């Protein structure tokens, strides 16, 4: 395996945003001074991820309920056509 450093997409994004900050963190290994903001951002991303999963679950439930309603509607229509429902 090569000993070349691994370049991640986040490194490219950080470099494009501020090449000086990338150089300080990646090359000079100077620790970030905004740790509280970074922690808040991570927490916000975690909350957003949970909200997205919840929204996806609700959407799946909604689709399932729509399918059940459509099947019940078809059953009622079939019963009306056959004359089973007065």
Protein backbone atom coordinates (compact mmCIF):
# COMPACT_ATOMS: atom_id res chain seq x y z
CA UNK A 1 0.00 0.00 0.00
CA UNK A 2 1.07 3.54 -0.72
CA UNK A 3 2.08 5.84 2.12
CA UNK A 4 0.42 8.79 0.37
CA UNK A 5 -1.90 10.74 2.67
CA UNK A 6 -5.59 10.07 2.19
CA UNK A 7 -7.53 13.05 0.84
CA UNK A 8 -11.19 13.03 1.83
CA UNK A 9 -14.06 14.94 0.24
CA UNK A 10 -14.32 17.02 3.43
CA UNK A 11 -10.65 18.02 2.98
CA UNK A 12 -11.41 19.25 -0.53
CA UNK A 13 -14.44 21.16 0.74
CA UNK A 14 -12.42 22.73 3.53
CA UNK A 15 -9.63 23.64 1.12
CA UNK A 16 -12.07 25.25 -1.31
CA UNK A 17 -13.73 27.16 1.52
CA UNK A 18 -10.45 28.38 3.07
CA UNK A 19 -7.13 27.00 1.92
CA UNK A 20 -5.37 28.66 4.85
CA UNK A 21 -7.56 26.87 7.40
CA UNK A 22 -6.95 23.59 5.57
CA UNK A 23 -3.20 24.18 5.59
CA UNK A 24 -3.19 25.04 9.30
CA UNK A 25 -5.23 21.98 10.26
CA UNK A 26 -3.83 19.40 7.84
CA UNK A 27 -0.19 20.43 7.39
CA UNK A 28 0.67 22.44 10.50
CA UNK A 29 -1.70 20.39 12.70
CA UNK A 30 -2.91 23.46 14.59
CA UNK A 31 -6.03 22.55 16.58
CA UNK A 32 -9.24 24.39 15.73
CA UNK A 33 -10.19 27.29 17.99
CA UNK A 34 -13.93 26.97 17.39
CA UNK A 35 -14.59 23.61 19.03
CA UNK A 36 -17.88 24.75 20.59
CA UNK A 37 -19.25 25.79 17.19
CA UNK A 38 -18.10 22.53 15.64
CA UNK A 39 -19.78 20.53 18.42
CA UNK A 40 -22.99 22.53 17.94
CA UNK A 41 -22.83 21.85 14.20
CA UNK A 42 -22.37 18.12 14.78
CA UNK A 43 -25.33 18.11 17.17
CA UNK A 44 -27.44 19.99 14.61
CA UNK A 45 -26.52 17.44 11.93
CA UNK A 46 -27.45 14.59 14.27
CA UNK A 47 -30.84 16.20 15.05
CA UNK A 48 -31.47 16.79 11.35
CA UNK A 49 -30.65 13.16 10.57
CA UNK A 50 -33.13 11.95 13.19
CA UNK A 51 -35.81 14.29 11.82
CA UNK A 52 -35.20 13.00 8.29
CA UNK A 53 -35.54 9.37 9.41
CA UNK A 54 -38.76 10.24 11.21
CA UNK A 55 -40.10 12.01 8.12
CA UNK A 56 -39.24 9.02 5.95
CA UNK A 57 -41.02 6.68 8.37
CA UNK A 58 -44.11 8.89 8.36
CA UNK A 59 -44.03 9.01 4.56
CA UNK A 60 -43.88 5.21 4.38
CA UNK A 61 -46.81 4.94 6.80
CA UNK A 62 -48.77 7.43 4.67
CA UNK A 63 -48.12 5.46 1.49
CA UNK A 64 -49.19 2.27 3.26
CA UNK A 65 -52.41 3.90 4.45
CA UNK A 66 -53.12 5.15 0.92
CA UNK A 67 -52.69 1.62 -0.46
CA UNK A 68 -55.05 0.22 2.20
CA UNK A 69 -57.61 2.94 1.40
CA UNK A 70 -57.36 2.21 -2.33
CA UNK A 71 -57.83 -1.51 -1.73
CA UNK A 72 -60.84 -0.87 0.49
CA UNK A 73 -62.27 1.44 -2.18
CA UNK A 74 -61.81 -1.23 -4.84
CA UNK A 75 -63.44 -3.79 -2.56
CA UNK A 76 -66.43 -1.49 -1.99
CA UNK A 77 -66.70 -0.80 -5.73
CA UNK A 78 -66.57 -4.52 -6.48
CA UNK A 79 -69.28 -5.16 -3.88
CA UNK A 80 -71.46 -2.40 -5.37
CA UNK A 81 -71.07 -3.83 -8.86
CA UNK A 82 -71.98 -7.32 -7.68
CA UNK A 83 -75.00 -5.93 -5.83
CA UNK A 84 -73.82 -7.12 -2.43
CA UNK A 85 -74.21 -3.68 -0.86
CA UNK A 86 -77.71 -2.28 -0.50
